[in-house]
Amino acid sequence: MLLIFLTWGLDAKSSVYKDVCVKCHKYQPASLEKMFMVYLKTYSVELSFKVSLKEYLQNPTEKNSLIGSAFIQNFSVKNTSELNDTQIDEALDTYWDLYNPKDNLK
């Protein structure tokens, strides 16, 4: 029974990422994986990576974006995320787990 709840909890966490992040970003020219690598090059530590991306999601501006100005001129800065803090944290955890190269080298 505990395993069922743990599995459901993991699915619920990843569903925020799948239902919100992937749904929107699948129409963007830069993949989520490519954007992950841009952030990882700048913020190589998990905590700073997640904090900086969370700050951007809550207050997206051209100044705090790591995406190039040409991209912003063509597609603009994204709207402020409608996700709450917990949902953003869950989405970022899933994002990190999916694309972190250190975890995927095993």
PDB file of N, CA and C in Angstrom:
ATOM      1  N   MET A   1       0.826  -1.190   0.000  1.00  0.00           N
ATOM      2  CA  MET A   1       0.000   0.000   0.000  1.00  0.00           C
ATOM      3  C   MET A   1       0.874   1.259   0.000  1.00  0.00           C
ATOM      4  N   LEU A   2       1.930   1.240   0.795  1.00  0.00           N
ATOM      5  CA  LEU A   2       2.834   2.387   0.846  1.00  0.00           C
ATOM      6  C   LEU A   2       3.459   2.645  -0.520  1.00  0.00           C
ATOM      7  N   LEU A   3       3.829   1.586  -1.207  1.00  0.00           N
ATOM      8  CA  LEU A   3       4.418   1.720  -2.539  1.00  0.00           C
ATOM      9  C   LEU A   3       3.457   2.405  -3.509  1.00  0.00           C
ATOM     10  N   ILE A   4       2.186   2.099  -3.395  1.00  0.00           N
ATOM     11  CA  ILE A   4       1.180   2.735  -4.258  1.00  0.00           C
ATOM     12  C   ILE A   4       1.150   4.233  -4.006  1.00  0.00           C
ATOM     13  N   PHE A   5       1.146   4.647  -2.744  1.00  0.00           N
ATOM     14  CA  PHE A   5       1.123   6.072  -2.418  1.00  0.00           C
ATOM     15  C   PHE A   5       2.400   6.776  -2.862  1.00  0.00           C
ATOM     16  N   LEU A   6       3.542   6.114  -2.687  1.00  0.00           N
ATOM     17  CA  LEU A   6       4.803   6.710  -3.124  1.00  0.00           C
ATOM     18  C   LEU A   6       4.830   6.868  -4.637  1.00  0.00           C
ATOM     19  N   THR A   7       4.375   5.865  -5.343  1.00  0.00           N
ATOM     20  CA  THR A   7       4.318   5.935  -6.806  1.00  0.00           C
ATOM     21  C   THR A   7       3.361   7.024  -7.250  1.00  0.00           C
ATOM     22  N   TRP A   8       2.214   7.112  -6.618  1.00  0.00           N
ATOM     23  CA  TRP A   8       1.247   8.151  -6.958  1.00  0.00           C
ATOM     24  C   TRP A   8       1.840   9.527  -6.691  1.00  0.00           C
ATOM     25  N   GLY A   9       2.567   9.668  -5.591  1.00  0.00           N
ATOM     26  CA  GLY A   9       3.199  10.947  -5.269  1.00  0.00           C
ATOM     27  C   GLY A   9       4.206  11.363  -6.321  1.00  0.00           C
ATOM     28  N   LEU A  10       4.995  10.427  -6.816  1.00  0.00           N
ATOM     29  CA  LEU A  10       5.962  10.736  -7.873  1.00  0.00           C
ATOM     30  C   LEU A  10       5.256  11.119  -9.162  1.00  0.00           C
ATOM     31  N   ASP A  11       4.177  10.422  -9.484  1.00  0.00           N
ATOM     32  CA  ASP A  11       3.414  10.758 -10.685  1.00  0.00           C
ATOM     33  C   ASP A  11       2.798  12.139 -10.564  1.00  0.00           C
ATOM     34  N   ALA A  12       2.306  12.485  -9.377  1.00  0.00           N
ATOM     35  CA  ALA A  12       1.703  13.805  -9.175  1.00  0.00           C
ATOM     36  C   ALA A  12       2.749  14.898  -9.351  1.00  0.00           C
ATOM     37  N   LYS A  13       3.970  14.668  -8.835  1.00  0.00           N
ATOM     38  CA  LYS A  13       5.038  15.652  -9.004  1.00  0.00           C
ATOM     39  C   LYS A  13       5.382  15.842 -10.474  1.00  0.00           C
ATOM     40  N   SER A  14       5.534  14.749 -11.178  1.00  0.00           N
ATOM     41  CA  SER A  14       5.936  14.870 -12.571  1.00  0.00           C
ATOM     42  C   SER A  14       4.799  15.372 -13.446  1.00  0.00           C
ATOM     43  N   SER A  15       3.558  15.237 -12.973  1.00  0.00           N
ATOM     44  CA  SER A  15       2.443  15.697 -13.799  1.00  0.00           C
ATOM     45  C   SER A  15       2.428  17.213 -13.934  1.00  0.00           C
ATOM     46  N   VAL A  16       2.881  17.946 -12.933  1.00  0.00           N
ATOM     47  CA  VAL A  16       2.976  19.403 -13.060  1.00  0.00           C
ATOM     48  C   VAL A  16       3.932  19.731 -14.201  1.00  0.00           C
ATOM     49  N   TYR A  17       5.047  19.067 -14.214  1.00  0.00           N
ATOM     50  CA  TYR A  17       6.030  19.279 -15.278  1.00  0.00           C
ATOM     51  C   TYR A  17       5.435  18.915 -16.638  1.00  0.00           C
ATOM     52  N   LYS A  18       4.840  17.731 -16.725  1.00  0.00           N
ATOM     53  CA  LYS A  18       4.275  17.269 -18.001  1.00  0.00           C
ATOM     54  C   LYS A  18       3.094  18.125 -18.449  1.00  0.00           C
ATOM     55  N   ASP A  19       2.183  18.401 -17.524  1.00  0.00           N
ATOM     56  CA  ASP A  19       0.938  19.080 -17.881  1.00  0.00           C
ATOM     57  C   ASP A  19       1.102  20.570 -18.129  1.00  0.00           C
ATOM     58  N   VAL A  20       2.097  21.174 -17.518  1.00  0.00           N
ATOM     59  CA  VAL A  20       2.260  22.623 -17.668  1.00  0.00           C
ATOM     60  C   VAL A  20       3.499  22.964 -18.494  1.00  0.00           C
ATOM     61  N   CYS A  21       4.648  22.517 -18.048  1.00  0.00           N
ATOM     62  CA  CYS A  21       5.908  22.901 -18.700  1.00  0.00           C
ATOM     63  C   CYS A  21       6.018  22.315 -20.106  1.00  0.00           C
ATOM     64  N   VAL A  22       5.897  21.006 -20.206  1.00  0.00           N
ATOM     65  CA  VAL A  22       6.050  20.348 -21.504  1.00  0.00           C
ATOM     66  C   VAL A  22       4.958  20.799 -22.466  1.00  0.00           C
ATOM     67  N   LYS A  23       3.751  20.922 -21.961  1.00  0.00           N
ATOM     68  CA  LYS A  23       2.621  21.327 -22.804  1.00  0.00           C
ATOM     69  C   LYS A  23       2.892  22.656 -23.504  1.00  0.00           C
ATOM     70  N   CYS A  24       3.452  23.609 -22.794  1.00  0.00           N
ATOM     71  CA  CYS A  24       3.744  24.926 -23.364  1.00  0.00           C
ATOM     72  C   CYS A  24       5.022  24.897 -24.209  1.00  0.00           C
ATOM     73  N   HIS A  25       6.056  24.290 -23.682  1.00  0.00           N
ATOM     74  CA  HIS A  25       7.368  24.338 -24.335  1.00  0.00           C
ATOM     75  C   HIS A  25       7.477  23.479 -25.587  1.00  0.00           C
ATOM     76  N   LYS A  26       6.547  22.580 -25.793  1.00  0.00           N
ATOM     77  CA  LYS A  26       6.646  21.753 -27.002  1.00  0.00           C
ATOM     78  C   LYS A  26       6.460  22.588 -28.265  1.00  0.00           C
ATOM     79  N   TYR A  27       5.942  23.800 -28.124  1.00  0.00           N
ATOM     80  CA  TYR A  27       5.765  24.694 -29.275  1.00  0.00           C
ATOM     81  C   TYR A  27       6.898  25.708 -29.411  1.00  0.00           C
ATOM     82  N   GLN A  28       7.856  25.667 -28.510  1.00  0.00           N
ATOM     83  CA  GLN A  28       8.971  26.608 -28.530  1.00  0.00           C
ATOM     84  C   GLN A  28      10.102  26.064 -29.399  1.00  0.00           C
ATOM     85  N   PRO A  29      10.859  26.951 -30.044  1.00  0.00           N
ATOM     86  CA  PRO A  29      11.968  26.482 -30.886  1.00  0.00           C
ATOM     87  C   PRO A  29      13.131  25.886 -30.084  1.00  0.00           C
ATOM     88  N   ALA A  30      13.310  26.326 -28.846  1.00  0.00           N
ATOM     89  CA  ALA A  30      14.376  25.775 -27.996  1.00  0.00           C
ATOM     90  C   ALA A  30      13.762  24.701 -27.098  1.00  0.00           C
ATOM     91  N   SER A  31      14.303  23.505 -27.155  1.00  0.00           N
ATOM     92  CA  SER A  31      13.768  22.405 -26.354  1.00  0.00           C
ATOM     93  C   SER A  31      14.041  22.639 -24.872  1.00  0.00           C
ATOM     94  N   LEU A  32      13.275  21.954 -24.040  1.00  0.00           N
ATOM     95  CA  LEU A  32      13.511  22.028 -22.600  1.00  0.00           C
ATOM     96  C   LEU A  32      14.903  21.515 -22.253  1.00  0.00           C
ATOM     97  N   GLU A  33      15.375  20.521 -22.973  1.00  0.00           N
ATOM     98  CA  GLU A  33      16.718  20.001 -22.723  1.00  0.00           C
ATOM     99  C   GLU A  33      17.777  21.062 -23.042  1.00  0.00           C
ATOM    100  N   LYS A  34      17.617  21.759 -24.152  1.00  0.00           N
ATOM    101  CA  LYS A  34      18.576  22.807 -24.516  1.00  0.00           C
ATOM    102  C   LYS A  34      18.546  23.938 -23.487  1.00  0.00           C
ATOM    103  N   MET A  35      17.352  24.323 -23.054  1.00  0.00           N
ATOM    104  CA  MET A  35      17.246  25.382 -22.053  1.00  0.00           C
ATOM    105  C   MET A  35      17.866  24.937 -20.727  1.00  0.00           C
ATOM    106  N   PHE A  36      17.693  23.657 -20.392  1.00  0.00           N
ATOM    107  CA  PHE A  36      18.312  23.114 -19.188  1.00  0.00           C
ATOM    108  C   PHE A  36      19.824  23.299 -19.254  1.00  0.00           C
ATOM    109  N   MET A  37      20.414  22.971 -20.389  1.00  0.00           N
ATOM    110  CA  MET A  37      21.867  23.067 -20.541  1.00  0.00           C
ATOM    111  C   MET A  37      22.355  24.511 -20.459  1.00  0.00           C
ATOM    112  N   VAL A  38      21.571  25.456 -20.947  1.00  0.00           N
ATOM    113  CA  VAL A  38      21.934  26.875 -20.827  1.00  0.00           C
ATOM    114  C   VAL A  38      21.982  27.265 -19.351  1.00  0.00           C
ATOM    115  N   TYR A  39      20.969  26.874 -18.595  1.00  0.00           N
ATOM    116  CA  TYR A  39      20.952  27.187 -17.164  1.00  0.00           C
ATOM    117  C   TYR A  39      22.047  26.429 -16.426  1.00  0.00           C
ATOM    118  N   LEU A  40      22.290  25.189 -16.805  1.00  0.00           N
ATOM    119  CA  LEU A  40      23.312  24.384 -16.136  1.00  0.00           C
ATOM    120  C   LEU A  40      24.708  24.967 -16.336  1.00  0.00           C
ATOM    121  N   LYS A  41      24.987  25.523 -17.517  1.00  0.00           N
ATOM    122  CA  LYS A  41      26.297  26.146 -17.756  1.00  0.00           C
ATOM    123  C   LYS A  41      26.503  27.354 -16.851  1.00  0.00           C
ATOM    124  N   THR A  42      25.433  28.065 -16.540  1.00  0.00           N
ATOM    125  CA  THR A  42      25.545  29.256 -15.699  1.00  0.00           C
ATOM    126  C   THR A  42      25.439  28.914 -14.217  1.00  0.00           C
ATOM    127  N   TYR A  43      24.530  28.035 -13.885  1.00  0.00           N
ATOM    128  CA  TYR A  43      24.274  27.650 -12.490  1.00  0.00           C
ATOM    129  C   TYR A  43      24.493  26.151 -12.355  1.00  0.00           C
ATOM    130  N   SER A  44      25.728  25.740 -12.156  1.00  0.00           N
ATOM    131  CA  SER A  44      26.061  24.314 -12.191  1.00  0.00           C
ATOM    132  C   SER A  44      25.666  23.551 -10.928  1.00  0.00           C
ATOM    133  N   VAL A  45      25.362  24.260  -9.860  1.00  0.00           N
ATOM    134  CA  VAL A  45      24.964  23.613  -8.611  1.00  0.00           C
ATOM    135  C   VAL A  45      23.435  23.531  -8.579  1.00  0.00           C
ATOM    136  N   GLU A  46      22.912  22.401  -8.157  1.00  0.00           N
ATOM    137  CA  GLU A  46      21.464  22.173  -8.191  1.00  0.00           C
ATOM    138  C   GLU A  46      20.679  23.289  -7.507  1.00  0.00           C
ATOM    139  N   LEU A  47      21.093  23.700  -6.322  1.00  0.00           N
ATOM    140  CA  LEU A  47      20.340  24.719  -5.588  1.00  0.00           C
ATOM    141  C   LEU A  47      20.304  26.044  -6.341  1.00  0.00           C
ATOM    142  N   SER A  48      21.450  26.516  -6.812  1.00  0.00           N
ATOM    143  CA  SER A  48      21.463  27.799  -7.526  1.00  0.00           C
ATOM    144  C   SER A  48      20.704  27.698  -8.850  1.00  0.00           C
ATOM    145  N   PHE A  49      20.778  26.552  -9.497  1.00  0.00           N
ATOM    146  CA  PHE A  49      20.018  26.303 -10.726  1.00  0.00           C
ATOM    147  C   PHE A  49      18.521  26.480 -10.464  1.00  0.00           C
ATOM    148  N   LYS A  50      18.025  25.784  -9.439  1.00  0.00           N
ATOM    149  CA  LYS A  50      16.591  25.811  -9.141  1.00  0.00           C
ATOM    150  C   LYS A  50      16.140  27.173  -8.631  1.00  0.00           C
ATOM    151  N   VAL A  51      16.944  27.808  -7.788  1.00  0.00           N
ATOM    152  CA  VAL A  51      16.578  29.127  -7.258  1.00  0.00           C
ATOM    153  C   VAL A  51      16.496  30.148  -8.383  1.00  0.00           C
ATOM    154  N   SER A  52      17.472  30.161  -9.266  1.00  0.00           N
ATOM    155  CA  SER A  52      17.474  31.148 -10.352  1.00  0.00           C
ATOM    156  C   SER A  52      16.318  30.916 -11.317  1.00  0.00           C
ATOM    157  N   LEU A  53      16.041  29.675 -11.628  1.00  0.00           N
ATOM    158  CA  LEU A  53      14.940  29.383 -12.541  1.00  0.00           C
ATOM    159  C   LEU A  53      13.590  29.697 -11.892  1.00  0.00           C
ATOM    160  N   LYS A  54      13.471  29.425 -10.603  1.00  0.00           N
ATOM    161  CA  LYS A  54      12.230  29.753  -9.887  1.00  0.00           C
ATOM    162  C   LYS A  54      12.017  31.265  -9.867  1.00  0.00           C
ATOM    163  N   GLU A  55      13.082  32.015  -9.598  1.00  0.00           N
ATOM    164  CA  GLU A  55      12.974  33.479  -9.609  1.00  0.00           C
ATOM    165  C   GLU A  55      12.538  33.976 -10.981  1.00  0.00           C
ATOM    166  N   TYR A  56      13.087  33.380 -12.033  1.00  0.00           N
ATOM    167  CA  TYR A  56      12.696  33.777 -13.383  1.00  0.00           C
ATOM    168  C   TYR A  56      11.221  33.451 -13.644  1.00  0.00           C
ATOM    169  N   LEU A  57      10.780  32.271 -13.240  1.00  0.00           N
ATOM    170  CA  LEU A  57       9.388  31.879 -13.468  1.00  0.00           C
ATOM    171  C   LEU A  57       8.410  32.791 -12.729  1.00  0.00           C
ATOM    172  N   GLN A  58       8.820  33.269 -11.554  1.00  0.00           N
ATOM    173  CA  GLN A  58       7.947  34.135 -10.767  1.00  0.00           C
ATOM    174  C   GLN A  58       8.023  35.596 -11.189  1.00  0.00           C
ATOM    175  N   ASN A  59       9.128  35.977 -11.831  1.00  0.00           N
ATOM    176  CA  ASN A  59       9.299  37.361 -12.273  1.00  0.00           C
ATOM    177  C   ASN A  59      10.147  37.388 -13.545  1.00  0.00           C
ATOM    178  N   PRO A  60       9.571  36.948 -14.657  1.00  0.00           N
ATOM    179  CA  PRO A  60      10.355  36.877 -15.894  1.00  0.00           C
ATOM    180  C   PRO A  60      10.609  38.259 -16.497  1.00  0.00           C
ATOM    181  N   THR A  61      11.880  38.563 -16.664  1.00  0.00           N
ATOM    182  CA  THR A  61      12.269  39.812 -17.319  1.00  0.00           C
ATOM    183  C   THR A  61      13.399  39.496 -18.291  1.00  0.00           C
ATOM    184  N   GLU A  62      13.613  40.398 -19.221  1.00  0.00           N
ATOM    185  CA  GLU A  62      14.713  40.201 -20.167  1.00  0.00           C
ATOM    186  C   GLU A  62      16.047  40.199 -19.427  1.00  0.00           C
ATOM    187  N   LYS A  63      16.135  41.005 -18.376  1.00  0.00           N
ATOM    188  CA  LYS A  63      17.381  41.118 -17.616  1.00  0.00           C
ATOM    189  C   LYS A  63      17.758  39.802 -16.924  1.00  0.00           C
ATOM    190  N   ASN A  64      16.780  39.102 -16.362  1.00  0.00           N
ATOM    191  CA  ASN A  64      17.123  37.877 -15.634  1.00  0.00           C
ATOM    192  C   ASN A  64      16.938  36.609 -16.477  1.00  0.00           C
ATOM    193  N   SER A  65      16.747  36.773 -17.766  1.00  0.00           N
ATOM    194  CA  SER A  65      16.638  35.634 -18.674  1.00  0.00           C
ATOM    195  C   SER A  65      18.023  35.236 -19.182  1.00  0.00           C
ATOM    196  N   LEU A  66      18.249  33.955 -19.320  1.00  0.00           N
ATOM    197  CA  LEU A  66      19.513  33.474 -19.882  1.00  0.00           C
ATOM    198  C   LEU A  66      19.387  33.180 -21.373  1.00  0.00           C
ATOM    199  N   ILE A  67      18.186  33.267 -21.878  1.00  0.00           N
ATOM    200  CA  ILE A  67      17.958  33.041 -23.302  1.00  0.00           C
ATOM    201  C   ILE A  67      18.379  34.301 -24.045  1.00  0.00           C
ATOM    202  N   GLY A  68      18.992  34.150 -25.176  1.00  0.00           N
ATOM    203  CA  GLY A  68      19.535  35.274 -25.933  1.00  0.00           C
ATOM    204  C   GLY A  68      18.509  36.324 -26.325  1.00  0.00           C
ATOM    205  N   SER A  69      19.000  37.535 -26.548  1.00  0.00           N
ATOM    206  CA  SER A  69      18.119  38.653 -26.884  1.00  0.00           C
ATOM    207  C   SER A  69      17.408  38.442 -28.219  1.00  0.00           C
ATOM    208  N   ALA A  70      18.036  37.741 -29.157  1.00  0.00           N
ATOM    209  CA  ALA A  70      17.379  37.466 -30.443  1.00  0.00           C
ATOM    210  C   ALA A  70      16.123  36.617 -30.228  1.00  0.00           C
ATOM    211  N   PHE A  71      16.224  35.637 -29.344  1.00  0.00           N
ATOM    212  CA  PHE A  71      15.067  34.802 -29.022  1.00  0.00           C
ATOM    213  C   PHE A  71      13.969  35.651 -28.393  1.00  0.00           C
ATOM    214  N   ILE A  72      14.356  36.511 -27.460  1.00  0.00           N
ATOM    215  CA  ILE A  72      13.378  37.357 -26.773  1.00  0.00           C
ATOM    216  C   ILE A  72      12.722  38.326 -27.752  1.00  0.00           C
ATOM    217  N   GLN A  73      13.490  38.880 -28.676  1.00  0.00           N
ATOM    218  CA  GLN A  73      12.914  39.788 -29.669  1.00  0.00           C
ATOM    219  C   GLN A  73      11.885  39.071 -30.538  1.00  0.00           C
ATOM    220  N   ASN A  74      12.143  37.823 -30.862  1.00  0.00           N
ATOM    221  CA  ASN A  74      11.215  37.058 -31.703  1.00  0.00           C
ATOM    222  C   ASN A  74      10.024  36.483 -30.940  1.00  0.00           C
ATOM    223  N   PHE A  75      10.249  36.104 -29.691  1.00  0.00           N
ATOM    224  CA  PHE A  75       9.200  35.395 -28.956  1.00  0.00           C
ATOM    225  C   PHE A  75       8.781  36.081 -27.660  1.00  0.00           C
ATOM    226  N   SER A  76       9.452  37.120 -27.254  1.00  0.00           N
ATOM    227  CA  SER A  76       9.204  37.883 -26.021  1.00  0.00           C
ATOM    228  C   SER A  76       9.529  37.073 -24.767  1.00  0.00           C
ATOM    229  N   VAL A  77       9.464  37.744 -23.643  1.00  0.00           N
ATOM    230  CA  VAL A  77       9.698  37.113 -22.346  1.00  0.00           C
ATOM    231  C   VAL A  77       8.396  36.410 -21.962  1.00  0.00           C
ATOM    232  N   LYS A  78       8.519  35.264 -21.367  1.00  0.00           N
ATOM    233  CA  LYS A  78       7.314  34.509 -20.995  1.00  0.00           C
ATOM    234  C   LYS A  78       6.499  35.265 -19.953  1.00  0.00           C
ATOM    235  N   ASN A  79       5.247  34.889 -19.819  1.00  0.00           N
ATOM    236  CA  ASN A  79       4.397  35.457 -18.781  1.00  0.00           C
ATOM    237  C   ASN A  79       4.786  34.875 -17.431  1.00  0.00           C
ATOM    238  N   THR A  80       4.442  35.589 -16.374  1.00  0.00           N
ATOM    239  CA  THR A  80       4.683  35.087 -15.027  1.00  0.00           C
ATOM    240  C   THR A  80       3.944  33.763 -14.851  1.00  0.00           C
ATOM    241  N   SER A  81       4.611  32.814 -14.236  1.00  0.00           N
ATOM    242  CA  SER A  81       4.006  31.504 -14.024  1.00  0.00           C
ATOM    243  C   SER A  81       2.790  31.613 -13.115  1.00  0.00           C
ATOM    244  N   GLU A  82       1.770  30.846 -13.426  1.00  0.00           N
ATOM    245  CA  GLU A  82       0.576  30.792 -12.585  1.00  0.00           C
ATOM    246  C   GLU A  82       0.671  29.678 -11.548  1.00  0.00           C
ATOM    247  N   LEU A  83       1.775  28.951 -11.554  1.00  0.00           N
ATOM    248  CA  LEU A  83       1.976  27.881 -10.580  1.00  0.00           C
ATOM    249  C   LEU A  83       2.306  28.470  -9.217  1.00  0.00           C
ATOM    250  N   ASN A  84       1.885  27.785  -8.157  1.00  0.00           N
ATOM    251  CA  ASN A  84       2.259  28.227  -6.817  1.00  0.00           C
ATOM    252  C   ASN A  84       3.670  27.720  -6.501  1.00  0.00           C
ATOM    253  N   ASP A  85       4.214  28.140  -5.367  1.00  0.00           N
ATOM    254  CA  ASP A  85       5.588  27.773  -4.994  1.00  0.00           C
ATOM    255  C   ASP A  85       5.807  26.259  -4.988  1.00  0.00           C
ATOM    256  N   THR A  86       4.874  25.532  -4.409  1.00  0.00           N
ATOM    257  CA  THR A  86       5.013  24.081  -4.323  1.00  0.00           C
ATOM    258  C   THR A  86       5.023  23.446  -5.705  1.00  0.00           C
ATOM    259  N   GLN A  87       4.138  23.897  -6.579  1.00  0.00           N
ATOM    260  CA  GLN A  87       4.084  23.349  -7.933  1.00  0.00           C
ATOM    261  C   GLN A  87       5.363  23.668  -8.711  1.00  0.00           C
ATOM    262  N   ILE A  88       5.872  24.881  -8.552  1.00  0.00           N
ATOM    263  CA  ILE A  88       7.127  25.243  -9.226  1.00  0.00           C
ATOM    264  C   ILE A  88       8.257  24.356  -8.724  1.00  0.00           C
ATOM    265  N   ASP A  89       8.333  24.185  -7.406  1.00  0.00           N
ATOM    266  CA  ASP A  89       9.380  23.329  -6.833  1.00  0.00           C
ATOM    267  C   ASP A  89       9.277  21.900  -7.371  1.00  0.00           C
ATOM    268  N   GLU A  90       8.066  21.380  -7.455  1.00  0.00           N
ATOM    269  CA  GLU A  90       7.868  20.024  -7.966  1.00  0.00           C
ATOM    270  C   GLU A  90       8.283  19.925  -9.435  1.00  0.00           C
ATOM    271  N   ALA A  91       7.900  20.917 -10.221  1.00  0.00           N
ATOM    272  CA  ALA A  91       8.266  20.914 -11.644  1.00  0.00           C
ATOM    273  C   ALA A  91       9.780  21.006 -11.808  1.00  0.00           C
ATOM    274  N   LEU A  92      10.424  21.854 -11.011  1.00  0.00           N
ATOM    275  CA  LEU A  92      11.880  21.998 -11.097  1.00  0.00           C
ATOM    276  C   LEU A  92      12.595  20.728 -10.648  1.00  0.00           C
ATOM    277  N   ASP A  93      12.065  20.058  -9.637  1.00  0.00           N
ATOM    278  CA  ASP A  93      12.649  18.778  -9.209  1.00  0.00           C
ATOM    279  C   ASP A  93      12.587  17.757 -10.346  1.00  0.00           C
ATOM    280  N   THR A  94      11.444  17.678 -10.997  1.00  0.00           N
ATOM    281  CA  THR A  94      11.288  16.748 -12.119  1.00  0.00           C
ATOM    282  C   THR A  94      12.220  17.128 -13.257  1.00  0.00           C
ATOM    283  N   TYR A  95      12.268  18.412 -13.571  1.00  0.00           N
ATOM    284  CA  TYR A  95      13.133  18.930 -14.637  1.00  0.00           C
ATOM    285  C   TYR A  95      14.586  18.557 -14.364  1.00  0.00           C
ATOM    286  N   TRP A  96      15.038  18.796 -13.137  1.00  0.00           N
ATOM    287  CA  TRP A  96      16.407  18.476 -12.746  1.00  0.00           C
ATOM    288  C   TRP A  96      16.662  16.972 -12.875  1.00  0.00           C
ATOM    289  N   ASP A  97      15.733  16.173 -12.379  1.00  0.00           N
ATOM    290  CA  ASP A  97      15.903  14.719 -12.418  1.00  0.00           C
ATOM    291  C   ASP A  97      15.955  14.182 -13.848  1.00  0.00           C
ATOM    292  N   LEU A  98      15.217  14.792 -14.749  1.00  0.00           N
ATOM    293  CA  LEU A  98      15.187  14.327 -16.139  1.00  0.00           C
ATOM    294  C   LEU A  98      16.458  14.642 -16.911  1.00  0.00           C
ATOM    295  N   TYR A  99      17.010  15.828 -16.701  1.00  0.00           N
ATOM    296  CA  TYR A  99      18.091  16.292 -17.572  1.00  0.00           C
ATOM    297  C   TYR A  99      19.456  16.438 -16.918  1.00  0.00           C
ATOM    298  N   ASN A 100      19.566  16.290 -15.612  1.00  0.00           N
ATOM    299  CA  ASN A 100      20.857  16.438 -14.955  1.00  0.00           C
ATOM    300  C   ASN A 100      21.820  15.366 -15.473  1.00  0.00           C
ATOM    301  N   PRO A 101      22.871  15.772 -16.177  1.00  0.00           N
ATOM    302  CA  PRO A 101      23.766  14.779 -16.782  1.00  0.00           C
ATOM    303  C   PRO A 101      24.479  13.901 -15.766  1.00  0.00           C
ATOM    304  N   LYS A 102      24.771  14.423 -14.597  1.00  0.00           N
ATOM    305  CA  LYS A 102      25.471  13.619 -13.587  1.00  0.00           C
ATOM    306  C   LYS A 102      24.617  12.432 -13.156  1.00  0.00           C
ATOM    307  N   ASP A 103      23.315  12.650 -13.024  1.00  0.00           N
ATOM    308  CA  ASP A 103      22.428  11.560 -12.622  1.00  0.00           C
ATOM    309  C   ASP A 103      22.214  10.558 -13.743  1.00  0.00           C
ATOM    310  N   ASN A 104      22.367  11.006 -14.966  1.00  0.00           N
ATOM    311  CA  ASN A 104      22.089  10.140 -16.110  1.00  0.00           C
ATOM    312  C   ASN A 104      23.319   9.400 -16.629  1.00  0.00           C
ATOM    313  N   LEU A 105      24.469   9.578 -15.978  1.00  0.00           N
ATOM    314  CA  LEU A 105      25.692   8.890 -16.399  1.00  0.00           C
ATOM    315  C   LEU A 105      25.827   7.503 -15.783  1.00  0.00           C
ATOM    316  N   LYS A 106      24.981   7.184 -14.853  1.00  0.00           N
ATOM    317  CA  LYS A 106      25.078   5.906 -14.138  1.00  0.00           C
ATOM    318  C   LYS A 106      24.824   4.732 -15.031  1.00  0.00           C
TER     319      LYS A 106
END
